Amino acid sequence: MGTIYGLVIGLFLDLLIGARIGINCACLGIIGFSATIFDRNFSKDSRMTIMVMVMVSTVIFEVLAYLLNYLLVSINIEIINFIRILAIEVIYNAILTIILYPLIQKSGYYIENEYKGNKILTRYF
């Protein structure tokens, strides 16, 4: 499901703000796939684990987007500026994760229960 969500949201972003259609779609599809792997292998109850996952996902997304833009659009390589912007985005996303974690966790458990159908009463009827 993470890959499908990533592809759909990436395509939506590409249609709205992308210079090329497919860059955000591919990057968010890969992030959605890696999020599915993270979901299976790591606990969602620890804030540190979630923060590390967000930070790693941010780095993967930005590096992939930068490489795809370099290959497809032929942008100039500016490593120092890229690393500076990447560091700011990683810190910003980590701070947002700390602030919004309780809301994200509650909505995530709700969505997970809806998809998996963990309804106790339905077993008895």
PDB file of N, CA and C in Angstrom:
ATOM      1  N   MET A   1       0.823  -1.198   0.000  1.00  0.00           N
ATOM      2  CA  MET A   1       0.000   0.000   0.000  1.00  0.00           C
ATOM      3  C   MET A   1       0.862   1.254   0.000  1.00  0.00           C
ATOM      4  N   GLY A   2       2.015   1.204   0.681  1.00  0.00           N
ATOM      5  CA  GLY A   2       2.891   2.371   0.738  1.00  0.00           C
ATOM      6  C   GLY A   2       3.396   2.766  -0.631  1.00  0.00           C
ATOM      7  N   THR A   3       3.721   1.773  -1.455  1.00  0.00           N
ATOM      8  CA  THR A   3       4.199   2.059  -2.804  1.00  0.00           C
ATOM      9  C   THR A   3       3.104   2.696  -3.649  1.00  0.00           C
ATOM     10  N   ILE A   4       1.901   2.192  -3.538  1.00  0.00           N
ATOM     11  CA  ILE A   4       0.781   2.749  -4.310  1.00  0.00           C
ATOM     12  C   ILE A   4       0.500   4.181  -3.882  1.00  0.00           C
ATOM     13  N   TYR A   5       0.462   4.411  -2.548  1.00  0.00           N
ATOM     14  CA  TYR A   5       0.260   5.774  -2.063  1.00  0.00           C
ATOM     15  C   TYR A   5       1.372   6.703  -2.554  1.00  0.00           C
ATOM     16  N   GLY A   6       2.606   6.237  -2.489  1.00  0.00           N
ATOM     17  CA  GLY A   6       3.728   7.056  -2.946  1.00  0.00           C
ATOM     18  C   GLY A   6       3.629   7.398  -4.422  1.00  0.00           C
ATOM     19  N   LEU A   7       3.270   6.421  -5.240  1.00  0.00           N
ATOM     20  CA  LEU A   7       3.147   6.671  -6.680  1.00  0.00           C
ATOM     21  C   LEU A   7       2.021   7.655  -6.988  1.00  0.00           C
ATOM     22  N   VAL A   8       0.883   7.480  -6.330  1.00  0.00           N
ATOM     23  CA  VAL A   8      -0.268   8.355  -6.598  1.00  0.00           C
ATOM     24  C   VAL A   8       0.030   9.785  -6.137  1.00  0.00           C
ATOM     25  N   ILE A   9       0.545   9.936  -4.930  1.00  0.00           N
ATOM     26  CA  ILE A   9       0.845  11.277  -4.421  1.00  0.00           C
ATOM     27  C   ILE A   9       1.973  11.910  -5.222  1.00  0.00           C
ATOM     28  N   GLY A  10       2.971  11.110  -5.624  1.00  0.00           N
ATOM     29  CA  GLY A  10       4.055  11.631  -6.458  1.00  0.00           C
ATOM     30  C   GLY A  10       3.564  12.101  -7.811  1.00  0.00           C
ATOM     31  N   LEU A  11       2.657  11.342  -8.415  1.00  0.00           N
ATOM     32  CA  LEU A  11       2.086  11.763  -9.692  1.00  0.00           C
ATOM     33  C   LEU A  11       1.286  13.044  -9.528  1.00  0.00           C
ATOM     34  N   PHE A  12       0.530  13.132  -8.440  1.00  0.00           N
ATOM     35  CA  PHE A  12      -0.240  14.348  -8.151  1.00  0.00           C
ATOM     36  C   PHE A  12       0.695  15.555  -7.993  1.00  0.00           C
ATOM     37  N   LEU A  13       1.796  15.366  -7.256  1.00  0.00           N
ATOM     38  CA  LEU A  13       2.770  16.458  -7.098  1.00  0.00           C
ATOM     39  C   LEU A  13       3.415  16.834  -8.421  1.00  0.00           C
ATOM     40  N   ASP A  14       3.741  15.832  -9.232  1.00  0.00           N
ATOM     41  CA  ASP A  14       4.342  16.113 -10.536  1.00  0.00           C
ATOM     42  C   ASP A  14       3.396  16.914 -11.425  1.00  0.00           C
ATOM     43  N   LEU A  15       2.126  16.567 -11.381  1.00  0.00           N
ATOM     44  CA  LEU A  15       1.160  17.299 -12.199  1.00  0.00           C
ATOM     45  C   LEU A  15       0.969  18.730 -11.712  1.00  0.00           C
ATOM     46  N   LEU A  16       1.067  18.936 -10.389  1.00  0.00           N
ATOM     47  CA  LEU A  16       0.858  20.272  -9.840  1.00  0.00           C
ATOM     48  C   LEU A  16       2.089  21.166  -9.944  1.00  0.00           C
ATOM     49  N   ILE A  17       3.237  20.667  -9.505  1.00  0.00           N
ATOM     50  CA  ILE A  17       4.400  21.543  -9.399  1.00  0.00           C
ATOM     51  C   ILE A  17       5.657  21.036 -10.082  1.00  0.00           C
ATOM     52  N   GLY A  18       5.634  19.861 -10.647  1.00  0.00           N
ATOM     53  CA  GLY A  18       6.852  19.279 -11.203  1.00  0.00           C
ATOM     54  C   GLY A  18       7.212  19.833 -12.561  1.00  0.00           C
ATOM     55  N   ALA A  19       8.521  19.965 -12.804  1.00  0.00           N
ATOM     56  CA  ALA A  19       8.998  20.369 -14.118  1.00  0.00           C
ATOM     57  C   ALA A  19       8.898  19.190 -15.085  1.00  0.00           C
ATOM     58  N   ARG A  20       9.139  17.995 -14.582  1.00  0.00           N
ATOM     59  CA  ARG A  20       9.022  16.769 -15.359  1.00  0.00           C
ATOM     60  C   ARG A  20       8.087  15.816 -14.631  1.00  0.00           C
ATOM     61  N   ILE A  21       7.234  15.163 -15.382  1.00  0.00           N
ATOM     62  CA  ILE A  21       6.321  14.202 -14.781  1.00  0.00           C
ATOM     63  C   ILE A  21       7.073  12.892 -14.596  1.00  0.00           C
ATOM     64  N   GLY A  22       7.048  12.389 -13.371  1.00  0.00           N
ATOM     65  CA  GLY A  22       7.652  11.102 -13.091  1.00  0.00           C
ATOM     66  C   GLY A  22       8.747  11.127 -12.045  1.00  0.00           C
ATOM     67  N   ILE A  23       9.379  12.283 -11.807  1.00  0.00           N
ATOM     68  CA  ILE A  23      10.482  12.344 -10.856  1.00  0.00           C
ATOM     69  C   ILE A  23       9.967  12.157  -9.435  1.00  0.00           C
ATOM     70  N   ASN A  24       9.001  12.954  -9.018  1.00  0.00           N
ATOM     71  CA  ASN A  24       8.437  12.796  -7.675  1.00  0.00           C
ATOM     72  C   ASN A  24       7.696  11.472  -7.545  1.00  0.00           C
ATOM     73  N   CYS A  25       7.065  11.052  -8.613  1.00  0.00           N
ATOM     74  CA  CYS A  25       6.333   9.789  -8.610  1.00  0.00           C
ATOM     75  C   CYS A  25       7.276   8.628  -8.331  1.00  0.00           C
ATOM     76  N   ALA A  26       8.404   8.581  -9.012  1.00  0.00           N
ATOM     77  CA  ALA A  26       9.369   7.505  -8.811  1.00  0.00           C
ATOM     78  C   ALA A  26       9.979   7.572  -7.416  1.00  0.00           C
ATOM     79  N   CYS A  27      10.360   8.767  -6.980  1.00  0.00           N
ATOM     80  CA  CYS A  27      10.993   8.920  -5.665  1.00  0.00           C
ATOM     81  C   CYS A  27      10.043   8.554  -4.535  1.00  0.00           C
ATOM     82  N   LEU A  28       8.815   9.031  -4.595  1.00  0.00           N
ATOM     83  CA  LEU A  28       7.854   8.716  -3.537  1.00  0.00           C
ATOM     84  C   LEU A  28       7.401   7.257  -3.594  1.00  0.00           C
ATOM     85  N   GLY A  29       7.412   6.659  -4.781  1.00  0.00           N
ATOM     86  CA  GLY A  29       7.131   5.227  -4.880  1.00  0.00           C
ATOM     87  C   GLY A  29       8.200   4.406  -4.175  1.00  0.00           C
ATOM     88  N   ILE A  30       9.457   4.784  -4.351  1.00  0.00           N
ATOM     89  CA  ILE A  30      10.559   4.096  -3.670  1.00  0.00           C
ATOM     90  C   ILE A  30      10.483   4.329  -2.167  1.00  0.00           C
ATOM     91  N   ILE A  31      10.150   5.549  -1.751  1.00  0.00           N
ATOM     92  CA  ILE A  31      10.001   5.843  -0.326  1.00  0.00           C
ATOM     93  C   ILE A  31       8.833   5.046   0.260  1.00  0.00           C
ATOM     94  N   GLY A  32       7.734   4.926  -0.481  1.00  0.00           N
ATOM     95  CA  GLY A  32       6.603   4.126  -0.016  1.00  0.00           C
ATOM     96  C   GLY A  32       6.972   2.657   0.141  1.00  0.00           C
ATOM     97  N   PHE A  33       7.774   2.143  -0.785  1.00  0.00           N
ATOM     98  CA  PHE A  33       8.235   0.755  -0.684  1.00  0.00           C
ATOM     99  C   PHE A  33       9.148   0.571   0.525  1.00  0.00           C
ATOM    100  N   SER A  34      10.069   1.525   0.727  1.00  0.00           N
ATOM    101  CA  SER A  34      10.956   1.416   1.894  1.00  0.00           C
ATOM    102  C   SER A  34      10.178   1.598   3.201  1.00  0.00           C
ATOM    103  N   ALA A  35       9.122   2.409   3.184  1.00  0.00           N
ATOM    104  CA  ALA A  35       8.294   2.577   4.382  1.00  0.00           C
ATOM    105  C   ALA A  35       7.579   1.268   4.723  1.00  0.00           C
ATOM    106  N   THR A  36       7.181   0.510   3.718  1.00  0.00           N
ATOM    107  CA  THR A  36       6.573  -0.791   3.959  1.00  0.00           C
ATOM    108  C   THR A  36       7.577  -1.731   4.620  1.00  0.00           C
ATOM    109  N   ILE A  37       8.815  -1.689   4.170  1.00  0.00           N
ATOM    110  CA  ILE A  37       9.861  -2.516   4.781  1.00  0.00           C
ATOM    111  C   ILE A  37      10.134  -2.052   6.205  1.00  0.00           C
ATOM    112  N   PHE A  38      10.216  -0.722   6.413  1.00  0.00           N
ATOM    113  CA  PHE A  38      10.411  -0.193   7.769  1.00  0.00           C
ATOM    114  C   PHE A  38       9.273  -0.612   8.686  1.00  0.00           C
ATOM    115  N   ASP A  39       8.045  -0.600   8.163  1.00  0.00           N
ATOM    116  CA  ASP A  39       6.869  -0.936   8.967  1.00  0.00           C
ATOM    117  C   ASP A  39       6.932  -2.377   9.465  1.00  0.00           C
ATOM    118  N   ARG A  40       7.434  -3.265   8.632  1.00  0.00           N
ATOM    119  CA  ARG A  40       7.519  -4.672   9.019  1.00  0.00           C
ATOM    120  C   ARG A  40       8.647  -4.944  10.011  1.00  0.00           C
ATOM    121  N   ASN A  41       9.739  -4.191   9.917  1.00  0.00           N
ATOM    122  CA  ASN A  41      10.938  -4.517  10.682  1.00  0.00           C
ATOM    123  C   ASN A  41      11.164  -3.684  11.933  1.00  0.00           C
ATOM    124  N   PHE A  42      10.467  -2.570  12.078  1.00  0.00           N
ATOM    125  CA  PHE A  42      10.719  -1.692  13.213  1.00  0.00           C
ATOM    126  C   PHE A  42       9.425  -1.373  13.948  1.00  0.00           C
ATOM    127  N   SER A  43       9.550  -1.067  15.232  1.00  0.00           N
ATOM    128  CA  SER A  43       8.410  -0.716  16.061  1.00  0.00           C
ATOM    129  C   SER A  43       7.981   0.725  15.792  1.00  0.00           C
ATOM    130  N   LYS A  44       6.673   0.942  15.771  1.00  0.00           N
ATOM    131  CA  LYS A  44       6.146   2.285  15.556  1.00  0.00           C
ATOM    132  C   LYS A  44       5.892   3.018  16.867  1.00  0.00           C
ATOM    133  N   ASP A  45       6.212   2.376  17.987  1.00  0.00           N
ATOM    134  CA  ASP A  45       5.939   2.977  19.282  1.00  0.00           C
ATOM    135  C   ASP A  45       7.053   3.900  19.766  1.00  0.00           C
ATOM    136  N   SER A  46       8.246   3.761  19.263  1.00  0.00           N
ATOM    137  CA  SER A  46       9.371   4.569  19.704  1.00  0.00           C
ATOM    138  C   SER A  46       9.505   5.826  18.845  1.00  0.00           C
ATOM    139  N   ARG A  47       9.573   6.971  19.491  1.00  0.00           N
ATOM    140  CA  ARG A  47       9.730   8.233  18.745  1.00  0.00           C
ATOM    141  C   ARG A  47      11.080   8.309  18.052  1.00  0.00           C
ATOM    142  N   MET A  48      12.108   7.763  18.675  1.00  0.00           N
ATOM    143  CA  MET A  48      13.440   7.806  18.062  1.00  0.00           C
ATOM    144  C   MET A  48      13.471   6.984  16.772  1.00  0.00           C
ATOM    145  N   THR A  49      12.824   5.835  16.790  1.00  0.00           N
ATOM    146  CA  THR A  49      12.773   5.006  15.594  1.00  0.00           C
ATOM    147  C   THR A  49      12.044   5.737  14.471  1.00  0.00           C
ATOM    148  N   ILE A  50      10.939   6.354  14.790  1.00  0.00           N
ATOM    149  CA  ILE A  50      10.178   7.102  13.787  1.00  0.00           C
ATOM    150  C   ILE A  50      11.004   8.266  13.254  1.00  0.00           C
ATOM    151  N   MET A  51      11.700   8.973  14.149  1.00  0.00           N
ATOM    152  CA  MET A  51      12.528  10.101  13.702  1.00  0.00           C
ATOM    153  C   MET A  51      13.638   9.640  12.774  1.00  0.00           C
ATOM    154  N   VAL A  52      14.279   8.531  13.096  1.00  0.00           N
ATOM    155  CA  VAL A  52      15.343   8.010  12.236  1.00  0.00           C
ATOM    156  C   VAL A  52      14.770   7.592  10.887  1.00  0.00           C
ATOM    157  N   MET A  53      13.594   6.959  10.887  1.00  0.00           N
ATOM    158  CA  MET A  53      12.968   6.568   9.624  1.00  0.00           C
ATOM    159  C   MET A  53      12.638   7.789   8.767  1.00  0.00           C
ATOM    160  N   VAL A  54      12.131   8.839   9.392  1.00  0.00           N
ATOM    161  CA  VAL A  54      11.806  10.066   8.654  1.00  0.00           C
ATOM    162  C   VAL A  54      13.079  10.697   8.090  1.00  0.00           C
ATOM    163  N   MET A  55      14.123  10.719   8.892  1.00  0.00           N
ATOM    164  CA  MET A  55      15.371  11.328   8.436  1.00  0.00           C
ATOM    165  C   MET A  55      15.993  10.531   7.283  1.00  0.00           C
ATOM    166  N   VAL A  56      15.984   9.209   7.386  1.00  0.00           N
ATOM    167  CA  VAL A  56      16.528   8.369   6.310  1.00  0.00           C
ATOM    168  C   VAL A  56      15.678   8.507   5.049  1.00  0.00           C
ATOM    169  N   SER A  57      14.371   8.534   5.214  1.00  0.00           N
ATOM    170  CA  SER A  57      13.483   8.690   4.059  1.00  0.00           C
ATOM    171  C   SER A  57      13.681  10.042   3.378  1.00  0.00           C
ATOM    172  N   THR A  58      13.904  11.089   4.161  1.00  0.00           N
ATOM    173  CA  THR A  58      14.160  12.405   3.590  1.00  0.00           C
ATOM    174  C   THR A  58      15.449  12.404   2.775  1.00  0.00           C
ATOM    175  N   VAL A  59      16.480  11.794   3.312  1.00  0.00           N
ATOM    176  CA  VAL A  59      17.762  11.738   2.599  1.00  0.00           C
ATOM    177  C   VAL A  59      17.618  10.938   1.310  1.00  0.00           C
ATOM    178  N   ILE A  60      16.955   9.782   1.381  1.00  0.00           N
ATOM    179  CA  ILE A  60      16.767   8.957   0.179  1.00  0.00           C
ATOM    180  C   ILE A  60      15.970   9.712  -0.869  1.00  0.00           C
ATOM    181  N   PHE A  61      14.876  10.352  -0.471  1.00  0.00           N
ATOM    182  CA  PHE A  61      14.047  11.087  -1.426  1.00  0.00           C
ATOM    183  C   PHE A  61      14.833  12.210  -2.090  1.00  0.00           C
ATOM    184  N   GLU A  62      15.525  13.012  -1.299  1.00  0.00           N
ATOM    185  CA  GLU A  62      16.222  14.166  -1.866  1.00  0.00           C
ATOM    186  C   GLU A  62      17.387  13.754  -2.755  1.00  0.00           C
ATOM    187  N   VAL A  63      18.122  12.718  -2.368  1.00  0.00           N
ATOM    188  CA  VAL A  63      19.237  12.261  -3.202  1.00  0.00           C
ATOM    189  C   VAL A  63      18.712  11.693  -4.519  1.00  0.00           C
ATOM    190  N   LEU A  64      17.646  10.884  -4.457  1.00  0.00           N
ATOM    191  CA  LEU A  64      17.062  10.347  -5.688  1.00  0.00           C
ATOM    192  C   LEU A  64      16.519  11.452  -6.582  1.00  0.00           C
ATOM    193  N   ALA A  65      15.810  12.408  -5.998  1.00  0.00           N
ATOM    194  CA  ALA A  65      15.264  13.512  -6.790  1.00  0.00           C
ATOM    195  C   ALA A  65      16.388  14.328  -7.425  1.00  0.00           C
ATOM    196  N   TYR A  66      17.464  14.555  -6.677  1.00  0.00           N
ATOM    197  CA  TYR A  66      18.592  15.322  -7.216  1.00  0.00           C
ATOM    198  C   TYR A  66      19.265  14.565  -8.353  1.00  0.00           C
ATOM    199  N   LEU A  67      19.465  13.258  -8.176  1.00  0.00           N
ATOM    200  CA  LEU A  67      20.097  12.467  -9.234  1.00  0.00           C
ATOM    201  C   LEU A  67      19.216  12.376 -10.473  1.00  0.00           C
ATOM    202  N   LEU A  68      17.919  12.175 -10.287  1.00  0.00           N
ATOM    203  CA  LEU A  68      17.023  12.115 -11.444  1.00  0.00           C
ATOM    204  C   LEU A  68      16.931  13.457 -12.154  1.00  0.00           C
ATOM    205  N   ASN A  69      16.914  14.549 -11.404  1.00  0.00           N
ATOM    206  CA  ASN A  69      16.929  15.865 -12.046  1.00  0.00           C
ATOM    207  C   ASN A  69      18.229  16.099 -12.796  1.00  0.00           C
ATOM    208  N   TYR A  70      19.337  15.622 -12.241  1.00  0.00           N
ATOM    209  CA  TYR A  70      20.620  15.762 -12.930  1.00  0.00           C
ATOM    210  C   TYR A  70      20.626  14.965 -14.232  1.00  0.00           C
ATOM    211  N   LEU A  71      20.105  13.744 -14.196  1.00  0.00           N
ATOM    212  CA  LEU A  71      20.122  12.900 -15.388  1.00  0.00           C
ATOM    213  C   LEU A  71      19.107  13.338 -16.438  1.00  0.00           C
ATOM    214  N   LEU A  72      17.919  13.743 -16.019  1.00  0.00           N
ATOM    215  CA  LEU A  72      16.849  14.055 -16.966  1.00  0.00           C
ATOM    216  C   LEU A  72      16.808  15.512 -17.386  1.00  0.00           C
ATOM    217  N   VAL A  73      17.092  16.428 -16.479  1.00  0.00           N
ATOM    218  CA  VAL A  73      16.949  17.852 -16.771  1.00  0.00           C
ATOM    219  C   VAL A  73      18.310  18.505 -17.009  1.00  0.00           C
ATOM    220  N   SER A  74      19.382  17.822 -16.671  1.00  0.00           N
ATOM    221  CA  SER A  74      20.754  18.317 -16.826  1.00  0.00           C
ATOM    222  C   SER A  74      21.007  19.570 -15.990  1.00  0.00           C
ATOM    223  N   ILE A  75      20.660  19.503 -14.712  1.00  0.00           N
ATOM    224  CA  ILE A  75      20.960  20.618 -13.824  1.00  0.00           C
ATOM    225  C   ILE A  75      22.434  20.582 -13.449  1.00  0.00           C
ATOM    226  N   ASN A  76      22.946  21.709 -13.006  1.00  0.00           N
ATOM    227  CA  ASN A  76      24.332  21.769 -12.563  1.00  0.00           C
ATOM    228  C   ASN A  76      24.480  21.104 -11.202  1.00  0.00           C
ATOM    229  N   ILE A  77      25.616  20.457 -10.999  1.00  0.00           N
ATOM    230  CA  ILE A  77      25.881  19.809  -9.716  1.00  0.00           C
ATOM    231  C   ILE A  77      26.491  20.833  -8.775  1.00  0.00           C
ATOM    232  N   GLU A  78      25.816  21.065  -7.661  1.00  0.00           N
ATOM    233  CA  GLU A  78      26.304  21.959  -6.614  1.00  0.00           C
ATOM    234  C   GLU A  78      26.195  21.211  -5.301  1.00  0.00           C
ATOM    235  N   ILE A  79      27.239  20.467  -4.981  1.00  0.00           N
ATOM    236  CA  ILE A  79      27.214  19.565  -3.828  1.00  0.00           C
ATOM    237  C   ILE A  79      27.075  20.320  -2.510  1.00  0.00           C
ATOM    238  N   ILE A  80      27.816  21.413  -2.346  1.00  0.00           N
ATOM    239  CA  ILE A  80      27.781  22.155  -1.076  1.00  0.00           C
ATOM    240  C   ILE A  80      26.371  22.683  -0.801  1.00  0.00           C
ATOM    241  N   ASN A  81      25.757  23.301  -1.789  1.00  0.00           N
ATOM    242  CA  ASN A  81      24.390  23.817  -1.618  1.00  0.00           C
ATOM    243  C   ASN A  81      23.398  22.690  -1.379  1.00  0.00           C
ATOM    244  N   PHE A  82      23.575  21.579  -2.088  1.00  0.00           N
ATOM    245  CA  PHE A  82      22.683  20.433  -1.904  1.00  0.00           C
ATOM    246  C   PHE A  82      22.779  19.884  -0.488  1.00  0.00           C
ATOM    247  N   ILE A  83      23.988  19.733   0.031  1.00  0.00           N
ATOM    248  CA  ILE A  83      24.165  19.212   1.392  1.00  0.00           C
ATOM    249  C   ILE A  83      23.591  20.175   2.415  1.00  0.00           C
ATOM    250  N   ARG A  84      23.741  21.471   2.200  1.00  0.00           N
ATOM    251  CA  ARG A  84      23.188  22.466   3.113  1.00  0.00           C
ATOM    252  C   ARG A  84      21.660  22.390   3.136  1.00  0.00           C
ATOM    253  N   ILE A  85      21.056  22.347   1.970  1.00  0.00           N
ATOM    254  CA  ILE A  85      19.594  22.259   1.877  1.00  0.00           C
ATOM    255  C   ILE A  85      19.103  20.929   2.443  1.00  0.00           C
ATOM    256  N   LEU A  86      19.818  19.849   2.175  1.00  0.00           N
ATOM    257  CA  LEU A  86      19.445  18.541   2.694  1.00  0.00           C
ATOM    258  C   LEU A  86      19.483  18.518   4.220  1.00  0.00           C
ATOM    259  N   ALA A  87      20.503  19.115   4.809  1.00  0.00           N
ATOM    260  CA  ALA A  87      20.605  19.160   6.276  1.00  0.00           C
ATOM    261  C   ALA A  87      19.441  19.944   6.880  1.00  0.00           C
ATOM    262  N   ILE A  88      19.100  21.061   6.260  1.00  0.00           N
ATOM    263  CA  ILE A  88      17.978  21.860   6.747  1.00  0.00           C
ATOM    264  C   ILE A  88      16.673  21.071   6.651  1.00  0.00           C
ATOM    265  N   GLU A  89      16.456  20.376   5.537  1.00  0.00           N
ATOM    266  CA  GLU A  89      15.229  19.603   5.373  1.00  0.00           C
ATOM    267  C   GLU A  89      15.148  18.434   6.349  1.00  0.00           C
ATOM    268  N   VAL A  90      16.266  17.777   6.605  1.00  0.00           N
ATOM    269  CA  VAL A  90      16.272  16.660   7.545  1.00  0.00           C
ATOM    270  C   VAL A  90      15.936  17.152   8.952  1.00  0.00           C
ATOM    271  N   ILE A  91      16.537  18.257   9.360  1.00  0.00           N
ATOM    272  CA  ILE A  91      16.254  18.817  10.692  1.00  0.00           C
ATOM    273  C   ILE A  91      14.803  19.283  10.780  1.00  0.00           C
ATOM    274  N   TYR A  92      14.332  19.954   9.751  1.00  0.00           N
ATOM    275  CA  TYR A  92      12.954  20.440   9.725  1.00  0.00           C
ATOM    276  C   TYR A  92      11.959  19.279   9.823  1.00  0.00           C
ATOM    277  N   ASN A  93      12.172  18.217   9.040  1.00  0.00           N
ATOM    278  CA  ASN A  93      11.272  17.066   9.083  1.00  0.00           C
ATOM    279  C   ASN A  93      11.340  16.350  10.425  1.00  0.00           C
ATOM    280  N   ALA A  94      12.518  16.298  11.042  1.00  0.00           N
ATOM    281  CA  ALA A  94      12.638  15.675  12.362  1.00  0.00           C
ATOM    282  C   ALA A  94      11.869  16.476  13.412  1.00  0.00           C
ATOM    283  N   ILE A  95      11.954  17.791  13.347  1.00  0.00           N
ATOM    284  CA  ILE A  95      11.214  18.631  14.300  1.00  0.00           C
ATOM    285  C   ILE A  95       9.708  18.489  14.087  1.00  0.00           C
ATOM    286  N   LEU A  96       9.266  18.466  12.829  1.00  0.00           N
ATOM    287  CA  LEU A  96       7.843  18.257  12.561  1.00  0.00           C
ATOM    288  C   LEU A  96       7.370  16.894  13.054  1.00  0.00           C
ATOM    289  N   THR A  97       8.220  15.894  12.935  1.00  0.00           N
ATOM    290  CA  THR A  97       7.869  14.564  13.413  1.00  0.00           C
ATOM    291  C   THR A  97       7.697  14.554  14.924  1.00  0.00           C
ATOM    292  N   ILE A  98       8.568  15.241  15.633  1.00  0.00           N
ATOM    293  CA  ILE A  98       8.451  15.311  17.095  1.00  0.00           C
ATOM    294  C   ILE A  98       7.145  15.984  17.490  1.00  0.00           C
ATOM    295  N   ILE A  99       6.796  17.059  16.799  1.00  0.00           N
ATOM    296  CA  ILE A  99       5.599  17.817  17.143  1.00  0.00           C
ATOM    297  C   ILE A  99       4.324  17.066  16.769  1.00  0.00           C
ATOM    298  N   LEU A 100       4.291  16.478  15.586  1.00  0.00           N
ATOM    299  CA  LEU A 100       3.075  15.866  15.065  1.00  0.00           C
ATOM    300  C   LEU A 100       2.968  14.370  15.322  1.00  0.00           C
ATOM    301  N   TYR A 101       3.944  13.772  16.014  1.00  0.00           N
ATOM    302  CA  TYR A 101       3.970  12.319  16.201  1.00  0.00           C
ATOM    303  C   TYR A 101       2.706  11.754  16.838  1.00  0.00           C
ATOM    304  N   PRO A 102       2.170  12.330  17.926  1.00  0.00           N
ATOM    305  CA  PRO A 102       0.961  11.729  18.521  1.00  0.00           C
ATOM    306  C   PRO A 102      -0.229  11.686  17.557  1.00  0.00           C
ATOM    307  N   LEU A 103      -0.437  12.734  16.785  1.00  0.00           N
ATOM    308  CA  LEU A 103      -1.529  12.756  15.820  1.00  0.00           C
ATOM    309  C   LEU A 103      -1.301  11.744  14.708  1.00  0.00           C
ATOM    310  N   ILE A 104      -0.083  11.668  14.216  1.00  0.00           N
ATOM    311  CA  ILE A 104       0.246  10.716  13.154  1.00  0.00           C
ATOM    312  C   ILE A 104       0.069   9.289  13.650  1.00  0.00           C
ATOM    313  N   GLN A 105       0.485   9.022  14.888  1.00  0.00           N
ATOM    314  CA  GLN A 105       0.371   7.679  15.441  1.00  0.00           C
ATOM    315  C   GLN A 105      -1.093   7.263  15.595  1.00  0.00           C
ATOM    316  N   LYS A 106      -1.934   8.147  16.124  1.00  0.00           N
ATOM    317  CA  LYS A 106      -3.351   7.817  16.293  1.00  0.00           C
ATOM    318  C   LYS A 106      -4.028   7.567  14.953  1.00  0.00           C
ATOM    319  N   SER A 107      -3.765   8.430  13.982  1.00  0.00           N
ATOM    320  CA  SER A 107      -4.390   8.237  12.670  1.00  0.00           C
ATOM    321  C   SER A 107      -3.839   7.003  11.974  1.00  0.00           C
ATOM    322  N   GLY A 108      -2.557   6.706  12.177  1.00  0.00           N
ATOM    323  CA  GLY A 108      -1.971   5.510  11.581  1.00  0.00           C
ATOM    324  C   GLY A 108      -2.570   4.237  12.135  1.00  0.00           C
ATOM    325  N   TYR A 109      -2.773   4.172  13.444  1.00  0.00           N
ATOM    326  CA  TYR A 109      -3.406   2.996  14.043  1.00  0.00           C
ATOM    327  C   TYR A 109      -4.857   2.863  13.579  1.00  0.00           C
ATOM    328  N   TYR A 110      -5.557   3.981  13.441  1.00  0.00           N
ATOM    329  CA  TYR A 110      -6.937   3.945  12.966  1.00  0.00           C
ATOM    330  C   TYR A 110      -7.001   3.396  11.537  1.00  0.00           C
ATOM    331  N   ILE A 111      -6.135   3.901  10.662  1.00  0.00           N
ATOM    332  CA  ILE A 111      -6.126   3.448   9.265  1.00  0.00           C
ATOM    333  C   ILE A 111      -5.717   1.981   9.188  1.00  0.00           C
ATOM    334  N   GLU A 112      -4.733   1.587   9.991  1.00  0.00           N
ATOM    335  CA  GLU A 112      -4.289   0.197   9.998  1.00  0.00           C
ATOM    336  C   GLU A 112      -5.413  -0.738  10.440  1.00  0.00           C
ATOM    337  N   ASN A 113      -6.164  -0.350  11.451  1.00  0.00           N
ATOM    338  CA  ASN A 113      -7.285  -1.172  11.902  1.00  0.00           C
ATOM    339  C   ASN A 113      -8.384  -1.255  10.855  1.00  0.00           C
ATOM    340  N   GLU A 114      -8.610  -0.170  10.122  1.00  0.00           N
ATOM    341  CA  GLU A 114      -9.632  -0.187   9.072  1.00  0.00           C
ATOM    342  C   GLU A 114      -9.233  -1.121   7.931  1.00  0.00           C
ATOM    343  N   TYR A 115      -7.960  -1.087   7.522  1.00  0.00           N
ATOM    344  CA  TYR A 115      -7.516  -1.934   6.416  1.00  0.00           C
ATOM    345  C   TYR A 115      -7.410  -3.401   6.805  1.00  0.00           C
ATOM    346  N   LYS A 116      -6.909  -3.659   7.998  1.00  0.00           N
ATOM    347  CA  LYS A 116      -6.733  -5.042   8.412  1.00  0.00           C
ATOM    348  C   LYS A 116      -8.006  -5.655   8.965  1.00  0.00           C
ATOM    349  N   GLY A 117      -8.970  -4.832   9.315  1.00  0.00           N
ATOM    350  CA  GLY A 117     -10.245  -5.335   9.803  1.00  0.00           C
ATOM    351  C   GLY A 117     -10.147  -5.969  11.173  1.00  0.00           C
ATOM    352  N   ASN A 118      -9.410  -5.367  12.070  1.00  0.00           N
ATOM    353  CA  ASN A 118      -9.263  -5.902  13.425  1.00  0.00           C
ATOM    354  C   ASN A 118     -10.465  -5.518  14.282  1.00  0.00           C
ATOM    355  N   LYS A 119     -11.594  -6.013  13.945  1.00  0.00           N
ATOM    356  CA  LYS A 119     -12.801  -5.728  14.691  1.00  0.00           C
ATOM    357  C   LYS A 119     -13.125  -6.948  15.548  1.00  0.00           C
ATOM    358  N   ILE A 120     -13.187  -6.780  16.835  1.00  0.00           N
ATOM    359  CA  ILE A 120     -13.371  -7.890  17.763  1.00  0.00           C
ATOM    360  C   ILE A 120     -14.765  -8.475  17.630  1.00  0.00           C
ATOM    361  N   LEU A 121     -15.776  -7.646  17.521  1.00  0.00           N
ATOM    362  CA  LEU A 121     -17.149  -8.138  17.511  1.00  0.00           C
ATOM    363  C   LEU A 121     -17.505  -8.902  16.245  1.00  0.00           C
ATOM    364  N   THR A 122     -16.828  -8.656  15.150  1.00  0.00           N
ATOM    365  CA  THR A 122     -17.186  -9.328  13.907  1.00  0.00           C
ATOM    366  C   THR A 122     -16.854 -10.810  13.957  1.00  0.00           C
ATOM    367  N   ARG A 123     -15.978 -11.237  14.840  1.00  0.00           N
ATOM    368  CA  ARG A 123     -15.652 -12.655  14.931  1.00  0.00           C
ATOM    369  C   ARG A 123     -16.817 -13.457  15.527  1.00  0.00           C
ATOM    370  N   TYR A 124     -17.658 -12.816  16.292  1.00  0.00           N
ATOM    371  CA  TYR A 124     -18.720 -13.519  16.986  1.00  0.00           C
ATOM    372  C   TYR A 124     -20.051 -13.496  16.243  1.00  0.00           C
ATOM    373  N   PHE A 125     -20.152 -12.736  15.164  1.00  0.00           N
ATOM    374  CA  PHE A 125     -21.417 -12.647  14.450  1.00  0.00           C
ATOM    375  C   PHE A 125     -21.321 -13.201  13.069  1.00  0.00           C
TER     376      PHE A 125
END
